[in-house]
């Protein structure tokens, strides 16, 4: 449950970027040579006003984009995460909330069943 609370706080920041972030032009500074395998995890590095960000990219992304090219991203000053303009974070937030609720119910059930046996 404690781990879920940690992830909830991180995803809440990402959700805040989704809701309140502004779309800015960032410059791609690093791309993988190849990102065509479906099981791979690929990342790009972008820069904006002297700050650098690492963003996970979908399969095939590096076939359409090049180093030095500009890309639109959602951004809030001071945050370490960025989002693609159409990226959503609500699903992750809901999943973490469900895990927390299940953990709380399990703890309450465990305490209650222990009380009944004593």
Protein backbone atom coordinates (compact mmCIF):
# COMPACT_ATOMS: atom_id res chain seq x y z
CA UNK A 1 0.00 0.00 0.00
CA UNK A 2 2.87 2.39 0.80
CA UNK A 3 4.34 1.76 -2.65
CA UNK A 4 0.96 2.54 -4.22
CA UNK A 5 0.86 5.88 -2.40
CA UNK A 6 4.29 6.73 -3.82
CA UNK A 7 3.12 5.91 -7.36
CA UNK A 8 -0.11 7.83 -6.75
CA UNK A 9 1.82 11.00 -5.95
CA UNK A 10 3.96 10.62 -9.10
CA UNK A 11 0.94 9.92 -11.32
CA UNK A 12 -0.95 12.82 -9.74
CA UNK A 13 1.83 15.13 -10.98
CA UNK A 14 1.53 13.61 -14.47
CA UNK A 15 -2.25 14.05 -14.35
CA UNK A 16 -1.70 17.70 -13.38
CA UNK A 17 0.47 18.12 -16.48
CA UNK A 18 -2.28 16.54 -18.58
CA UNK A 19 -4.89 18.94 -17.20
CA UNK A 20 -2.89 22.17 -16.75
CA UNK A 21 0.19 21.83 -18.93
CA UNK A 22 0.91 24.11 -21.84
CA UNK A 23 1.96 22.82 -25.24
CA UNK A 24 5.46 23.94 -26.15
CA UNK A 25 7.94 23.16 -28.92
CA UNK A 26 10.83 21.00 -27.71
CA UNK A 27 13.88 19.96 -29.69
CA UNK A 28 14.78 16.28 -30.03
CA UNK A 29 18.41 15.78 -28.95
CA UNK A 30 18.61 11.97 -28.80
CA UNK A 31 16.74 9.08 -30.42
CA UNK A 32 17.48 5.36 -30.56
CA UNK A 33 18.90 4.10 -33.85
CA UNK A 34 16.02 1.68 -34.24
CA UNK A 35 12.67 1.37 -32.46
CA UNK A 36 10.70 -1.13 -34.51
CA UNK A 37 10.46 -4.11 -32.16
CA UNK A 38 7.17 -4.31 -30.32
CA UNK A 39 8.67 -5.67 -27.09
CA UNK A 40 11.31 -2.98 -26.71
CA UNK A 41 11.14 0.13 -24.55
CA UNK A 42 12.45 3.15 -26.38
CA UNK A 43 13.25 6.64 -25.12
CA UNK A 44 14.06 10.01 -26.62
CA UNK A 45 15.72 13.00 -25.01
CA UNK A 46 14.34 16.47 -25.69
CA UNK A 47 15.41 19.92 -24.58
CA UNK A 48 13.43 23.03 -23.73
CA UNK A 49 14.88 26.30 -22.42
CA UNK A 50 18.08 24.56 -21.31
CA UNK A 51 16.31 21.72 -19.49
CA UNK A 52 16.50 18.12 -20.70
CA UNK A 53 13.74 15.53 -20.46
CA UNK A 54 13.59 11.81 -21.23
CA UNK A 55 10.35 10.50 -22.69
CA UNK A 56 9.30 6.98 -23.57
CA UNK A 57 8.29 6.75 -27.21
CA UNK A 58 6.06 4.32 -29.08
CA UNK A 59 7.27 1.68 -31.52
CA UNK A 60 8.20 3.17 -34.88
CA UNK A 61 8.48 6.73 -33.54
CA UNK A 62 12.15 7.06 -34.48
CA UNK A 63 11.31 6.19 -38.09
CA UNK A 64 9.26 9.39 -38.44
CA UNK A 65 11.25 11.81 -36.26
CA UNK A 66 14.89 12.94 -36.47
CA UNK A 67 17.42 14.48 -34.09
CA UNK A 68 17.18 18.29 -34.22
CA UNK A 69 13.51 18.23 -35.17
CA UNK A 70 10.97 20.11 -33.04
CA UNK A 71 8.09 18.30 -31.38
CA UNK A 72 5.10 19.58 -29.44
CA UNK A 73 4.90 18.39 -25.82
CA UNK A 74 2.80 19.25 -22.74
CA UNK A 75 4.90 20.86 -20.06
CA UNK A 76 4.69 22.60 -16.69
CA UNK A 77 7.72 24.57 -15.50
CA UNK A 78 9.50 22.85 -12.63
CA UNK A 79 8.07 19.37 -13.32
CA UNK A 80 10.37 16.57 -14.45
CA UNK A 81 7.76 14.81 -16.60
CA UNK A 82 6.41 15.79 -20.01
CA UNK A 83 3.54 14.38 -22.04
CA UNK A 84 2.62 14.07 -25.67
CA UNK A 85 -0.28 16.48 -26.37
CA UNK A 86 -2.83 13.63 -26.68
CA UNK A 87 -1.41 11.45 -23.87
CA UNK A 88 -3.77 10.59 -20.99
CA UNK A 89 -2.85 9.80 -17.38
CA UNK A 90 -6.29 9.24 -15.84
CA UNK A 91 -6.29 5.46 -16.45
CA UNK A 92 -3.07 4.98 -14.47
CA UNK A 93 -4.43 7.15 -11.67
CA UNK A 94 -7.63 5.09 -11.46
CA UNK A 95 -5.69 1.79 -11.45
CA UNK A 96 -3.49 2.93 -8.56
CA UNK A 97 -6.55 4.15 -6.63
CA UNK A 98 -8.17 0.71 -7.07
CA UNK A 99 -5.02 -0.98 -5.74
CA UNK A 100 -5.08 1.30 -2.68
CA UNK A 101 -8.77 0.56 -2.02
CA UNK A 102 -8.14 -3.21 -2.30
CA UNK A 103 -5.20 -2.90 0.10
CA UNK A 104 -7.31 -0.98 2.65
CA UNK A 105 -10.16 -3.51 2.39
CA UNK A 106 -7.67 -6.37 2.86
CA UNK A 107 -6.15 -4.74 5.94
CA UNK A 108 -9.56 -4.07 7.49
CA UNK A 109 -10.70 -7.62 6.71
CA UNK A 110 -7.51 -9.06 8.22
CA UNK A 111 -7.85 -7.02 11.41
CA UNK A 112 -11.55 -7.87 11.71
CA UNK A 113 -11.03 -11.61 11.20
CA UNK A 114 -8.23 -11.63 13.77
CA UNK A 115 -10.49 -9.88 16.27
CA UNK A 116 -13.19 -12.52 15.79
CA UNK A 117 -10.82 -15.40 16.51
CA UNK A 118 -9.60 -13.90 19.79
